[in-house]
C-alpha atoms as a PDB file:
ATOM      1  CA  MET A   1      -2.074   9.113 -11.780  1.00  0.00           C
ATOM      2  CA  MET A   2      -5.336   8.359 -10.009  1.00  0.00           C
ATOM      3  CA  PRO A   3      -5.241   7.948  -6.224  1.00  0.00           C
ATOM      4  CA  ARG A   4      -5.622   4.337  -5.070  1.00  0.00           C
ATOM      5  CA  ARG A   5      -9.029   5.055  -3.501  1.00  0.00           C
ATOM      6  CA  ASN A   6     -10.397   6.353  -6.827  1.00  0.00           C
ATOM      7  CA  ILE A   7      -9.095   3.298  -8.675  1.00  0.00           C
ATOM      8  CA  ILE A   8     -10.756   0.975  -6.153  1.00  0.00           C
ATOM      9  CA  GLU A   9     -14.035   2.916  -6.448  1.00  0.00           C
ATOM     10  CA  LEU A  10     -13.840   2.733 -10.259  1.00  0.00           C
ATOM     11  CA  PHE A  11     -13.358  -1.056 -10.147  1.00  0.00           C
ATOM     12  CA  ALA A  12     -16.298  -1.349  -7.735  1.00  0.00           C
ATOM     13  CA  ILE A  13     -18.548   0.627 -10.113  1.00  0.00           C
ATOM     14  CA  VAL A  14     -17.453  -1.392 -13.147  1.00  0.00           C
ATOM     15  CA  GLY A  15     -18.014  -4.637 -11.211  1.00  0.00           C
ATOM     16  CA  TRP A  16     -21.506  -3.517 -10.210  1.00  0.00           C
ATOM     17  CA  LEU A  17     -22.316  -2.556 -13.795  1.00  0.00           C
ATOM     18  CA  LEU A  18     -21.200  -5.951 -15.119  1.00  0.00           C
ATOM     19  CA  LEU A  19     -23.262  -7.691 -12.454  1.00  0.00           C
ATOM     20  CA  ALA A  20     -26.314  -5.521 -13.167  1.00  0.00           C
ATOM     21  CA  ALA A  21     -26.068  -6.218 -16.885  1.00  0.00           C
ATOM     22  CA  SER A  22     -26.049  -9.970 -16.332  1.00  0.00           C
ATOM     23  CA  PHE A  23     -29.483 -10.200 -14.710  1.00  0.00           C
ATOM     24  CA  VAL A  24     -32.999  -9.480 -15.850  1.00  0.00           C
ATOM     25  CA  PRO A  25     -35.228  -7.651 -13.311  1.00  0.00           C
ATOM     26  CA  LEU A  26     -36.965 -10.141 -11.004  1.00  0.00           C
ATOM     27  CA  GLU A  27     -40.463  -8.947 -11.928  1.00  0.00           C
ATOM     28  CA  ARG A  28     -39.821  -9.701 -15.596  1.00  0.00           C
ATOM     29  CA  LEU A  29     -38.377 -13.125 -14.810  1.00  0.00           C
ATOM     30  CA  ILE A  30     -41.399 -14.081 -12.733  1.00  0.00           C
ATOM     31  CA  ALA A  31     -43.833 -12.897 -15.414  1.00  0.00           C
ATOM     32  CA  GLN A  32     -41.952 -14.696 -18.182  1.00  0.00           C
ATOM     33  CA  ASN A  33     -41.672 -17.978 -16.312  1.00  0.00           C
ATOM     34  CA  ASN A  34     -45.190 -18.492 -14.938  1.00  0.00           C
ATOM     35  CA  ASN A  35     -44.297 -17.164 -11.501  1.00  0.00           C
ATOM     36  CA  SER A  36     -41.135 -19.247 -11.107  1.00  0.00           C
ATOM     37  CA  VAL A  37     -37.735 -17.584 -10.868  1.00  0.00           C
ATOM     38  CA  THR A  38     -35.103 -18.728 -13.376  1.00  0.00           C
ATOM     39  CA  PRO A  39     -31.758 -16.930 -13.646  1.00  0.00           C
ATOM     40  CA  VAL A  40     -30.982 -15.418 -17.042  1.00  0.00           C
ATOM     41  CA  TYR A  41     -27.370 -15.312 -18.137  1.00  0.00           C
ATOM     42  CA  HIS A  42     -26.204 -12.797 -20.737  1.00  0.00           C
ATOM     43  CA  SER A  43     -22.402 -13.329 -20.566  1.00  0.00           C
ATOM     44  CA  PRO A  44     -21.368  -9.693 -20.135  1.00  0.00           C
ATOM     45  CA  ASN A  45     -17.788  -9.581 -21.341  1.00  0.00           C
ATOM     46  CA  HIS A  46     -16.905  -5.981 -22.186  1.00  0.00           C
ATOM     47  CA  ILE A  47     -17.911  -2.547 -20.968  1.00  0.00           C
ATOM     48  CA  CYS A  48     -17.189   1.001 -22.095  1.00  0.00           C
ATOM     49  CA  LEU A  49     -18.226   4.304 -20.587  1.00  0.00           C
ATOM     50  CA  SER A  50     -19.477   7.447 -22.282  1.00  0.00           C
ATOM     51  CA  ALA A  51     -17.044  10.386 -22.164  1.00  0.00           C
ATOM     52  CA  ASP A  52     -19.053  12.001 -19.352  1.00  0.00           C
ATOM     53  CA  GLY A  53     -19.228   8.713 -17.431  1.00  0.00           C
ATOM     54  CA  LEU A  54     -23.023   8.857 -17.166  1.00  0.00           C
ATOM     55  CA  GLN A  55     -23.782   5.875 -19.396  1.00  0.00           C
ATOM     56  CA  ALA A  56     -22.134   2.493 -19.732  1.00  0.00           C
ATOM     57  CA  TYR A  57     -22.475   0.074 -22.620  1.00  0.00           C
ATOM     58  CA  VAL A  58     -22.147  -3.618 -21.752  1.00  0.00           C
ATOM     59  CA  VAL A  59     -21.573  -6.207 -24.482  1.00  0.00           C
ATOM     60  CA  ASN A  60     -23.581  -9.394 -23.793  1.00  0.00           C
ATOM     61  CA  GLN A  61     -22.202 -12.340 -25.764  1.00  0.00           C
ATOM     62  CA  THR A  62     -24.891 -14.977 -25.369  1.00  0.00           C
ATOM     63  CA  SER A  63     -27.873 -12.670 -25.840  1.00  0.00           C
ATOM     64  CA  ASP A  64     -26.404 -10.875 -28.889  1.00  0.00           C
ATOM     65  CA  SER A  65     -27.067  -7.503 -27.331  1.00  0.00           C
ATOM     66  CA  VAL A  66     -25.625  -4.406 -25.701  1.00  0.00           C
ATOM     67  CA  SER A  67     -27.144  -3.204 -22.431  1.00  0.00           C
ATOM     68  CA  VAL A  68     -27.294   0.559 -21.909  1.00  0.00           C
ATOM     69  CA  LEU A  69     -26.835   1.468 -18.255  1.00  0.00           C
ATOM     70  CA  ASP A  70     -27.552   4.718 -16.452  1.00  0.00           C
ATOM     71  CA  VAL A  71     -24.578   4.911 -14.101  1.00  0.00           C
ATOM     72  CA  ARG A  72     -26.133   7.389 -11.644  1.00  0.00           C
ATOM     73  CA  ALA A  73     -29.462   5.570 -11.394  1.00  0.00           C
ATOM     74  CA  ARG A  74     -27.708   2.183 -11.437  1.00  0.00           C
ATOM     75  CA  LYS A  75     -30.230   0.641 -13.789  1.00  0.00           C
ATOM     76  CA  ILE A  76     -30.521  -0.737 -17.280  1.00  0.00           C
ATOM     77  CA  VAL A  77     -32.226   1.847 -19.511  1.00  0.00           C
ATOM     78  CA  GLY A  78     -31.946   0.104 -22.850  1.00  0.00           C
ATOM     79  CA  ASN A  79     -31.072  -3.094 -24.637  1.00  0.00           C
ATOM     80  CA  ILE A  80     -29.812  -2.990 -28.219  1.00  0.00           C
ATOM     81  CA  PRO A  81     -29.899  -6.141 -30.385  1.00  0.00           C
ATOM     82  CA  VAL A  82     -26.676  -6.652 -32.357  1.00  0.00           C
ATOM     83  CA  GLY A  83     -25.133  -9.400 -34.498  1.00  0.00           C
ATOM     84  CA  SER A  84     -24.103 -12.872 -33.464  1.00  0.00           C
ATOM     85  CA  PHE A  85     -21.705 -13.281 -30.513  1.00  0.00           C
ATOM     86  CA  PRO A  86     -20.568  -9.688 -29.846  1.00  0.00           C
ATOM     87  CA  THR A  87     -17.190  -9.474 -28.123  1.00  0.00           C
ATOM     88  CA  HIS A  88     -16.044  -5.874 -27.766  1.00  0.00           C
ATOM     89  CA  ALA A  89     -17.197  -2.285 -28.173  1.00  0.00           C
ATOM     90  CA  ALA A  90     -15.737   1.182 -28.550  1.00  0.00           C
ATOM     91  CA  LEU A  91     -17.329   4.604 -28.773  1.00  0.00           C
ATOM     92  CA  SER A  92     -16.857   6.900 -31.750  1.00  0.00           C
ATOM     93  CA  THR A  93     -14.963  10.094 -31.039  1.00  0.00           C
ATOM     94  CA  ASP A  94     -18.206  12.114 -31.051  1.00  0.00           C
ATOM     95  CA  GLY A  95     -19.872   9.621 -28.670  1.00  0.00           C
ATOM     96  CA  LEU A  96     -22.877   9.128 -30.959  1.00  0.00           C
ATOM     97  CA  THR A  97     -21.979   5.708 -32.361  1.00  0.00           C
ATOM     98  CA  LEU A  98     -21.015   2.473 -30.658  1.00  0.00           C
ATOM     99  CA  LEU A  99     -18.752   0.139 -32.636  1.00  0.00           C
ATOM    100  CA  VAL A 100     -19.418  -3.526 -31.806  1.00  0.00           C
ATOM    101  CA  THR A 101     -17.380  -6.499 -33.028  1.00  0.00           C
ATOM    102  CA  CYS A 102     -19.549  -9.520 -33.823  1.00  0.00           C
ATOM    103  CA  LEU A 103     -17.434 -12.662 -33.829  1.00  0.00           C
ATOM    104  CA  TYR A 104     -19.725 -14.954 -35.843  1.00  0.00           C
ATOM    105  CA  GLU A 105     -20.724 -12.229 -38.309  1.00  0.00           C
ATOM    106  CA  SER A 106     -17.094 -11.341 -39.157  1.00  0.00           C
ATOM    107  CA  ALA A 107     -18.137  -7.706 -38.967  1.00  0.00           C
ATOM    108  CA  VAL A 108     -18.084  -4.523 -36.947  1.00  0.00           C
ATOM    109  CA  GLN A 109     -21.566  -3.150 -36.438  1.00  0.00           C
ATOM    110  CA  LEU A 110     -22.176   0.565 -36.014  1.00  0.00           C
ATOM    111  CA  VAL A 111     -24.924   1.304 -33.510  1.00  0.00           C
ATOM    112  CA  ASP A 112     -26.644   4.693 -33.545  1.00  0.00           C
ATOM    113  CA  LEU A 113     -26.965   5.436 -29.825  1.00  0.00           C
ATOM    114  CA  GLU A 114     -29.771   7.963 -30.315  1.00  0.00           C
ATOM    115  CA  GLU A 115     -31.906   5.444 -32.218  1.00  0.00           C
ATOM    116  CA  GLN A 116     -30.469   2.463 -30.292  1.00  0.00           C
ATOM    117  CA  ARG A 117     -30.186   0.276 -33.384  1.00  0.00           C
ATOM    118  CA  VAL A 118     -27.580  -1.089 -35.783  1.00  0.00           C
ATOM    119  CA  VAL A 119     -27.311   1.242 -38.772  1.00  0.00           C
ATOM    120  CA  ARG A 120     -24.372  -0.303 -40.602  1.00  0.00           C
ATOM    121  CA  SER A 121     -22.322  -3.493 -40.713  1.00  0.00           C
ATOM    122  CA  ILE A 122     -18.731  -3.435 -42.003  1.00  0.00           C
ATOM    123  CA  PRO A 123     -17.037  -6.714 -43.011  1.00  0.00           C
ATOM    124  CA  THR A 124     -13.758  -7.616 -41.266  1.00  0.00           C
ATOM    125  CA  GLY A 125     -11.442 -10.603 -41.098  1.00  0.00           C
ATOM    126  CA  TYR A 126     -12.640 -13.850 -39.502  1.00  0.00           C
ATOM    127  CA  GLU A 127     -13.753 -13.629 -35.864  1.00  0.00           C
ATOM    128  CA  PRO A 128     -13.197  -9.955 -35.044  1.00  0.00           C
ATOM    129  CA  TYR A 129     -12.483  -9.780 -31.355  1.00  0.00           C
ATOM    130  CA  ALA A 130     -11.581  -6.193 -30.480  1.00  0.00           C
ATOM    131  CA  VAL A 131     -12.015  -2.757 -32.022  1.00  0.00           C
ATOM    132  CA  THR A 132     -10.606   0.688 -31.443  1.00  0.00           C
ATOM    133  CA  ILE A 133     -10.930   3.938 -33.333  1.00  0.00           C
ATOM    134  CA  SER A 134      -8.251   6.424 -34.390  1.00  0.00           C
ATOM    135  CA  PRO A 135      -8.093   9.687 -32.402  1.00  0.00           C
ATOM    136  CA  GLY A 136      -9.585  11.631 -35.338  1.00  0.00           C
ATOM    137  CA  GLY A 137     -12.347   9.059 -35.819  1.00  0.00           C
ATOM    138  CA  GLU A 138     -11.532   8.321 -39.441  1.00  0.00           C
ATOM    139  CA  ARG A 139     -10.252   4.730 -39.074  1.00  0.00           C
ATOM    140  CA  LEU A 140     -11.230   1.571 -37.229  1.00  0.00           C
ATOM    141  CA  TYR A 141      -8.655  -0.992 -36.157  1.00  0.00           C
ATOM    142  CA  VAL A 142     -10.051  -4.480 -35.652  1.00  0.00           C
ATOM    143  CA  ALA A 143      -8.188  -7.508 -34.262  1.00  0.00           C
ATOM    144  CA  ASN A 144      -9.380 -10.646 -36.085  1.00  0.00           C
ATOM    145  CA  SER A 145      -8.554 -13.719 -34.007  1.00  0.00           C
ATOM    146  CA  LEU A 146      -9.231 -16.571 -36.447  1.00  0.00           C
ATOM    147  CA  SER A 147      -7.717 -14.950 -39.546  1.00  0.00           C
ATOM    148  CA  ASP A 148      -4.753 -13.718 -37.446  1.00  0.00           C
ATOM    149  CA  THR A 149      -5.014 -10.230 -38.973  1.00  0.00           C
ATOM    150  CA  VAL A 150      -5.788  -6.634 -38.103  1.00  0.00           C
ATOM    151  CA  SER A 151      -8.319  -4.846 -40.301  1.00  0.00           C
ATOM    152  CA  ILE A 152      -7.800  -1.131 -40.866  1.00  0.00           C
ATOM    153  CA  ILE A 153     -11.052   0.360 -42.111  1.00  0.00           C
ATOM    154  CA  ALA A 154     -11.757   3.880 -43.358  1.00  0.00           C
ATOM    155  CA  VAL A 155     -15.037   4.780 -41.629  1.00  0.00           C
ATOM    156  CA  ALA A 156     -16.264   7.018 -44.461  1.00  0.00           C
ATOM    157  CA  SER A 157     -15.970   4.340 -47.140  1.00  0.00           C
ATOM    158  CA  GLY A 158     -16.232   1.213 -44.987  1.00  0.00           C
END
């Protein structure tokens, strides 16, 4: 079990990452809005960390994207467009692919983290809300909120 201090520090880091993912850098806001500052809201609603803890992936519902964060540098290093209204993400067992549920697409999208783009979309039940992967990486389990089902998907055949 983690010591209480480590748990508190972990929650502080996760909170900072969610906050960082919800704002666009001030310089970009000013340039985009004719020198006036307008807050941009991305609705960060889920975060997962790489196995080494050096990168975090934040699912942004209203911007249909995933922010890639460098944990040590505490900055956004990438932004990956995904399908409509993403809700959850999980990393593949090899850490090379991010699995993103897209509520309004009724699909799980596979994001190649090296290329930072969606490389495959797998149909699910209606309104997939959460995803996890089997320990061996061969199956996805997807909770579908509207169809009240769980999809079990063989990754190899989709």
